[in-house]
Amino acid sequence: SATGINGFAFLGALGAMLVVFGLAHGDGSW
């Protein structure tokens, strides 16, 4: 449903945010 689409979209955005920040942070340099 629309609620499920919104929920999955938000989870996908949060997942991408964590991946980007985690990879960019790497060994601690940023």
PDB file of all heavy atoms in Angstrom:
ATOM      1  N   SER A   1       0.831  -1.198   0.000  1.00  0.00           N
ATOM      2  CA  SER A   1       0.000   0.000   0.000  1.00  0.00           C
ATOM      3  C   SER A   1       0.869   1.253   0.000  1.00  0.00           C
ATOM      4  O   SER A   1       2.108   1.172   0.062  1.00  0.00           O
ATOM      5  CB  SER A   1      -0.907   0.004   1.228  1.00  0.00           C
ATOM      6  OG  SER A   1      -0.105   0.097   2.404  1.00  0.00           O
ATOM      7  N   ALA A   2       0.196   2.417  -0.031  1.00  0.00           N
ATOM      8  CA  ALA A   2       0.937   3.685  -0.013  1.00  0.00           C
ATOM      9  C   ALA A   2       1.781   3.814   1.250  1.00  0.00           C
ATOM     10  O   ALA A   2       2.909   4.320   1.219  1.00  0.00           O
ATOM     11  CB  ALA A   2      -0.033   4.854  -0.124  1.00  0.00           C
ATOM     12  N   THR A   3       1.241   3.331   2.372  1.00  0.00           N
ATOM     13  CA  THR A   3       2.000   3.378   3.630  1.00  0.00           C
ATOM     14  C   THR A   3       3.258   2.525   3.532  1.00  0.00           C
ATOM     15  O   THR A   3       4.343   2.927   3.975  1.00  0.00           O
ATOM     16  CB  THR A   3       1.136   2.895   4.796  1.00  0.00           C
ATOM     17  OG1 THR A   3      -0.049   3.702   4.871  1.00  0.00           O
ATOM     18  CG2 THR A   3       1.887   2.983   6.119  1.00  0.00           C
ATOM     19  N   GLY A   4       3.119   1.349   2.931  1.00  0.00           N
ATOM     20  CA  GLY A   4       4.273   0.476   2.752  1.00  0.00           C
ATOM     21  C   GLY A   4       5.309   1.080   1.820  1.00  0.00           C
ATOM     22  O   GLY A   4       6.519   0.977   2.060  1.00  0.00           O
ATOM     23  N   ILE A   5       4.842   1.744   0.754  1.00  0.00           N
ATOM     24  CA  ILE A   5       5.763   2.390  -0.182  1.00  0.00           C
ATOM     25  C   ILE A   5       6.547   3.490   0.520  1.00  0.00           C
ATOM     26  O   ILE A   5       7.775   3.585   0.391  1.00  0.00           O
ATOM     27  CB  ILE A   5       4.990   2.957  -1.388  1.00  0.00           C
ATOM     28  CG1 ILE A   5       4.375   1.811  -2.206  1.00  0.00           C
ATOM     29  CG2 ILE A   5       5.904   3.805  -2.270  1.00  0.00           C
ATOM     30  CD1 ILE A   5       3.408   2.270  -3.279  1.00  0.00           C
ATOM     31  N   ASN A   6       5.827   4.311   1.304  1.00  0.00           N
ATOM     32  CA  ASN A   6       6.503   5.382   2.044  1.00  0.00           C
ATOM     33  C   ASN A   6       7.513   4.819   3.041  1.00  0.00           C
ATOM     34  O   ASN A   6       8.621   5.342   3.201  1.00  0.00           O
ATOM     35  CB  ASN A   6       5.481   6.254   2.775  1.00  0.00           C
ATOM     36  CG  ASN A   6       4.671   7.113   1.826  1.00  0.00           C
ATOM     37  OD1 ASN A   6       5.063   7.331   0.688  1.00  0.00           O
ATOM     38  ND2 ASN A   6       3.532   7.591   2.284  1.00  0.00           N
ATOM     39  N   GLY A   7       7.120   3.757   3.738  1.00  0.00           N
ATOM     40  CA  GLY A   7       8.018   3.143   4.719  1.00  0.00           C
ATOM     41  C   GLY A   7       9.270   2.577   4.072  1.00  0.00           C
ATOM     42  O   GLY A   7      10.389   2.794   4.551  1.00  0.00           O
ATOM     43  N   PHE A   8       9.114   1.854   2.959  1.00  0.00           N
ATOM     44  CA  PHE A   8      10.259   1.290   2.257  1.00  0.00           C
ATOM     45  C   PHE A   8      11.158   2.393   1.689  1.00  0.00           C
ATOM     46  O   PHE A   8      12.387   2.279   1.696  1.00  0.00           O
ATOM     47  CB  PHE A   8       9.790   0.373   1.120  1.00  0.00           C
ATOM     48  CG  PHE A   8       9.637  -1.070   1.526  1.00  0.00           C
ATOM     49  CD1 PHE A   8       8.796  -1.422   2.579  1.00  0.00           C
ATOM     50  CD2 PHE A   8      10.329  -2.077   0.870  1.00  0.00           C
ATOM     51  CE1 PHE A   8       8.647  -2.751   2.958  1.00  0.00           C
ATOM     52  CE2 PHE A   8      10.193  -3.406   1.244  1.00  0.00           C
ATOM     53  CZ  PHE A   8       9.344  -3.740   2.298  1.00  0.00           C
ATOM     54  N   ALA A   9      10.529   3.469   1.175  1.00  0.00           N
ATOM     55  CA  ALA A   9      11.316   4.574   0.632  1.00  0.00           C
ATOM     56  C   ALA A   9      12.164   5.217   1.716  1.00  0.00           C
ATOM     57  O   ALA A   9      13.349   5.513   1.507  1.00  0.00           O
ATOM     58  CB  ALA A   9      10.387   5.619   0.002  1.00  0.00           C
ATOM     59  N   PHE A  10      11.582   5.414   2.882  1.00  0.00           N
ATOM     60  CA  PHE A  10      12.329   6.044   3.968  1.00  0.00           C
ATOM     61  C   PHE A  10      13.455   5.131   4.448  1.00  0.00           C
ATOM     62  O   PHE A  10      14.573   5.588   4.716  1.00  0.00           O
ATOM     63  CB  PHE A  10      11.402   6.396   5.121  1.00  0.00           C
ATOM     64  CG  PHE A  10      12.000   7.379   6.089  1.00  0.00           C
ATOM     65  CD1 PHE A  10      12.128   8.707   5.739  1.00  0.00           C
ATOM     66  CD2 PHE A  10      12.448   6.975   7.334  1.00  0.00           C
ATOM     67  CE1 PHE A  10      12.691   9.624   6.617  1.00  0.00           C
ATOM     68  CE2 PHE A  10      13.009   7.880   8.219  1.00  0.00           C
ATOM     69  CZ  PHE A  10      13.126   9.209   7.857  1.00  0.00           C
ATOM     70  N   LEU A  11      13.175   3.828   4.547  1.00  0.00           N
ATOM     71  CA  LEU A  11      14.220   2.882   4.950  1.00  0.00           C
ATOM     72  C   LEU A  11      15.348   2.846   3.912  1.00  0.00           C
ATOM     73  O   LEU A  11      16.523   2.765   4.262  1.00  0.00           O
ATOM     74  CB  LEU A  11      13.619   1.488   5.134  1.00  0.00           C
ATOM     75  CG  LEU A  11      12.701   1.304   6.360  1.00  0.00           C
ATOM     76  CD1 LEU A  11      12.068  -0.088   6.347  1.00  0.00           C
ATOM     77  CD2 LEU A  11      13.485   1.520   7.651  1.00  0.00           C
ATOM     78  N   GLY A  12      14.982   2.903   2.635  1.00  0.00           N
ATOM     79  CA  GLY A  12      16.003   2.925   1.592  1.00  0.00           C
ATOM     80  C   GLY A  12      16.866   4.167   1.673  1.00  0.00           C
ATOM     81  O   GLY A  12      18.089   4.104   1.506  1.00  0.00           O
ATOM     82  N   ALA A  13      16.236   5.316   1.945  1.00  0.00           N
ATOM     83  CA  ALA A  13      16.994   6.560   2.071  1.00  0.00           C
ATOM     84  C   ALA A  13      17.930   6.506   3.276  1.00  0.00           C
ATOM     85  O   ALA A  13      19.088   6.914   3.192  1.00  0.00           O
ATOM     86  CB  ALA A  13      16.033   7.740   2.200  1.00  0.00           C
ATOM     87  N   LEU A  14      17.436   5.996   4.398  1.00  0.00           N
ATOM     88  CA  LEU A  14      18.281   5.883   5.587  1.00  0.00           C
ATOM     89  C   LEU A  14      19.432   4.908   5.344  1.00  0.00           C
ATOM     90  O   LEU A  14      20.561   5.149   5.774  1.00  0.00           O
ATOM     91  CB  LEU A  14      17.443   5.407   6.783  1.00  0.00           C
ATOM     92  CG  LEU A  14      16.487   6.422   7.402  1.00  0.00           C
ATOM     93  CD1 LEU A  14      15.763   5.794   8.583  1.00  0.00           C
ATOM     94  CD2 LEU A  14      17.211   7.674   7.850  1.00  0.00           C
ATOM     95  N   GLY A  15      19.137   3.808   4.645  1.00  0.00           N
ATOM     96  CA  GLY A  15      20.185   2.849   4.331  1.00  0.00           C
ATOM     97  C   GLY A  15      21.270   3.463   3.466  1.00  0.00           C
ATOM     98  O   GLY A  15      22.476   3.279   3.720  1.00  0.00           O
ATOM     99  N   ALA A  16      20.859   4.226   2.446  1.00  0.00           N
ATOM    100  CA  ALA A  16      21.847   4.892   1.585  1.00  0.00           C
ATOM    101  C   ALA A  16      22.663   5.899   2.379  1.00  0.00           C
ATOM    102  O   ALA A  16      23.880   6.021   2.194  1.00  0.00           O
ATOM    103  CB  ALA A  16      21.134   5.581   0.424  1.00  0.00           C
ATOM    104  N   MET A  17      21.989   6.639   3.276  1.00  0.00           N
ATOM    105  CA  MET A  17      22.692   7.628   4.098  1.00  0.00           C
ATOM    106  C   MET A  17      23.758   6.953   4.953  1.00  0.00           C
ATOM    107  O   MET A  17      24.899   7.421   5.036  1.00  0.00           O
ATOM    108  CB  MET A  17      21.691   8.350   5.009  1.00  0.00           C
ATOM    109  CG  MET A  17      22.309   9.406   5.911  1.00  0.00           C
ATOM    110  SD  MET A  17      21.122  10.073   7.100  1.00  0.00           S
ATOM    111  CE  MET A  17      21.114   8.758   8.326  1.00  0.00           C
ATOM    112  N   LEU A  18      23.416   5.833   5.585  1.00  0.00           N
ATOM    113  CA  LEU A  18      24.367   5.128   6.444  1.00  0.00           C
ATOM    114  C   LEU A  18      25.527   4.556   5.632  1.00  0.00           C
ATOM    115  O   LEU A  18      26.686   4.579   6.076  1.00  0.00           O
ATOM    116  CB  LEU A  18      23.647   4.012   7.211  1.00  0.00           C
ATOM    117  CG  LEU A  18      22.618   4.481   8.250  1.00  0.00           C
ATOM    118  CD1 LEU A  18      21.863   3.293   8.840  1.00  0.00           C
ATOM    119  CD2 LEU A  18      23.290   5.287   9.354  1.00  0.00           C
ATOM    120  N   VAL A  19      25.227   4.036   4.443  1.00  0.00           N
ATOM    121  CA  VAL A  19      26.283   3.484   3.588  1.00  0.00           C
ATOM    122  C   VAL A  19      27.249   4.589   3.169  1.00  0.00           C
ATOM    123  O   VAL A  19      28.480   4.434   3.257  1.00  0.00           O
ATOM    124  CB  VAL A  19      25.669   2.798   2.349  1.00  0.00           C
ATOM    125  CG1 VAL A  19      26.756   2.481   1.319  1.00  0.00           C
ATOM    126  CG2 VAL A  19      24.958   1.517   2.756  1.00  0.00           C
ATOM    127  N   VAL A  20      26.693   5.729   2.723  1.00  0.00           N
ATOM    128  CA  VAL A  20      27.546   6.834   2.273  1.00  0.00           C
ATOM    129  C   VAL A  20      28.419   7.332   3.421  1.00  0.00           C
ATOM    130  O   VAL A  20      29.639   7.504   3.277  1.00  0.00           O
ATOM    131  CB  VAL A  20      26.689   7.978   1.700  1.00  0.00           C
ATOM    132  CG1 VAL A  20      27.542   9.230   1.465  1.00  0.00           C
ATOM    133  CG2 VAL A  20      26.037   7.550   0.395  1.00  0.00           C
ATOM    134  N   PHE A  21      27.801   7.567   4.565  1.00  0.00           N
ATOM    135  CA  PHE A  21      28.568   8.103   5.683  1.00  0.00           C
ATOM    136  C   PHE A  21      29.592   7.089   6.187  1.00  0.00           C
ATOM    137  O   PHE A  21      30.723   7.444   6.508  1.00  0.00           O
ATOM    138  CB  PHE A  21      27.635   8.501   6.830  1.00  0.00           C
ATOM    139  CG  PHE A  21      28.339   9.241   7.931  1.00  0.00           C
ATOM    140  CD1 PHE A  21      28.755  10.542   7.751  1.00  0.00           C
ATOM    141  CD2 PHE A  21      28.596   8.628   9.143  1.00  0.00           C
ATOM    142  CE1 PHE A  21      29.413  11.234   8.758  1.00  0.00           C
ATOM    143  CE2 PHE A  21      29.256   9.299  10.162  1.00  0.00           C
ATOM    144  CZ  PHE A  21      29.664  10.610   9.963  1.00  0.00           C
ATOM    145  N   GLY A  22      29.196   5.801   6.237  1.00  0.00           N
ATOM    146  CA  GLY A  22      30.117   4.776   6.700  1.00  0.00           C
ATOM    147  C   GLY A  22      31.317   4.629   5.787  1.00  0.00           C
ATOM    148  O   GLY A  22      32.463   4.555   6.245  1.00  0.00           O
ATOM    149  N   LEU A  23      31.080   4.611   4.474  1.00  0.00           N
ATOM    150  CA  LEU A  23      32.187   4.474   3.523  1.00  0.00           C
ATOM    151  C   LEU A  23      33.053   5.729   3.482  1.00  0.00           C
ATOM    152  O   LEU A  23      34.280   5.647   3.372  1.00  0.00           O
ATOM    153  CB  LEU A  23      31.641   4.174   2.128  1.00  0.00           C
ATOM    154  CG  LEU A  23      30.968   2.804   1.940  1.00  0.00           C
ATOM    155  CD1 LEU A  23      30.390   2.680   0.537  1.00  0.00           C
ATOM    156  CD2 LEU A  23      31.956   1.677   2.209  1.00  0.00           C
ATOM    157  N   ALA A  24      32.405   6.908   3.567  1.00  0.00           N
ATOM    158  CA  ALA A  24      33.174   8.148   3.532  1.00  0.00           C
ATOM    159  C   ALA A  24      34.017   8.316   4.785  1.00  0.00           C
ATOM    160  O   ALA A  24      35.123   8.855   4.749  1.00  0.00           O
ATOM    161  CB  ALA A  24      32.235   9.345   3.360  1.00  0.00           C
ATOM    162  N   HIS A  25      33.496   7.827   5.926  1.00  0.00           N
ATOM    163  CA  HIS A  25      34.225   7.962   7.187  1.00  0.00           C
ATOM    164  C   HIS A  25      35.438   7.046   7.189  1.00  0.00           C
ATOM    165  O   HIS A  25      36.515   7.418   7.641  1.00  0.00           O
ATOM    166  CB  HIS A  25      33.293   7.656   8.356  1.00  0.00           C
ATOM    167  CG  HIS A  25      33.821   8.091   9.674  1.00  0.00           C
ATOM    168  ND1 HIS A  25      34.411   7.214  10.559  1.00  0.00           N
ATOM    169  CD2 HIS A  25      33.871   9.309  10.265  1.00  0.00           C
ATOM    170  CE1 HIS A  25      34.783   7.876  11.638  1.00  0.00           C
ATOM    171  NE2 HIS A  25      34.475   9.145  11.491  1.00  0.00           N
ATOM    172  N   GLY A  26      35.226   5.829   6.667  1.00  0.00           N
ATOM    173  CA  GLY A  26      36.333   4.886   6.491  1.00  0.00           C
ATOM    174  C   GLY A  26      37.135   4.661   7.752  1.00  0.00           C
ATOM    175  O   GLY A  26      36.623   4.224   8.769  1.00  0.00           O
ATOM    176  N   ASP A  27      38.422   5.001   7.702  1.00  0.00           N
ATOM    177  CA  ASP A  27      39.326   4.763   8.817  1.00  0.00           C
ATOM    178  C   ASP A  27      39.309   5.908   9.830  1.00  0.00           C
ATOM    179  O   ASP A  27      40.163   5.985  10.712  1.00  0.00           O
ATOM    180  CB  ASP A  27      40.758   4.565   8.295  1.00  0.00           C
ATOM    181  CG  ASP A  27      41.230   5.764   7.455  1.00  0.00           C
ATOM    182  OD1 ASP A  27      40.433   6.720   7.301  1.00  0.00           O
ATOM    183  OD2 ASP A  27      42.371   5.728   6.969  1.00  0.00           O
ATOM    184  N   GLY A  28      38.338   6.783   9.696  1.00  0.00           N
ATOM    185  CA  GLY A  28      38.232   7.898  10.636  1.00  0.00           C
ATOM    186  C   GLY A  28      38.465   9.244   9.983  1.00  0.00           C
ATOM    187  O   GLY A  28      38.041  10.266  10.486  1.00  0.00           O
ATOM    188  N   SER A  29      39.141   9.261   8.824  1.00  0.00           N
ATOM    189  CA  SER A  29      39.335  10.517   8.107  1.00  0.00           C
ATOM    190  C   SER A  29      38.033  10.872   7.389  1.00  0.00           C
ATOM    191  O   SER A  29      37.230  10.009   7.065  1.00  0.00           O
ATOM    192  CB  SER A  29      40.465  10.376   7.094  1.00  0.00           C
ATOM    193  OG  SER A  29      40.170   9.353   6.163  1.00  0.00           O
ATOM    194  N   TRP A  30      37.847  12.158   7.155  1.00  0.00           N
ATOM    195  CA  TRP A  30      36.589  12.597   6.565  1.00  0.00           C
ATOM    196  C   TRP A  30      36.814  13.912   5.846  1.00  0.00           C
ATOM    197  O   TRP A  30      37.251  14.885   6.443  1.00  0.00           O
ATOM    198  CB  TRP A  30      35.557  12.771   7.676  1.00  0.00           C
ATOM    199  CG  TRP A  30      34.155  12.901   7.217  1.00  0.00           C
ATOM    200  CD1 TRP A  30      33.239  11.903   7.111  1.00  0.00           C
ATOM    201  CD2 TRP A  30      33.492  14.099   6.814  1.00  0.00           C
ATOM    202  NE1 TRP A  30      32.050  12.403   6.661  1.00  0.00           N
ATOM    203  CE2 TRP A  30      32.172  13.743   6.469  1.00  0.00           C
ATOM    204  CE3 TRP A  30      33.879  15.431   6.689  1.00  0.00           C
ATOM    205  CZ2 TRP A  30      31.251  14.676   6.021  1.00  0.00           C
ATOM    206  CZ3 TRP A  30      32.962  16.361   6.234  1.00  0.00           C
ATOM    207  CH2 TRP A  30      31.664  15.977   5.919  1.00  0.00           C
TER     208      TRP A  30
END
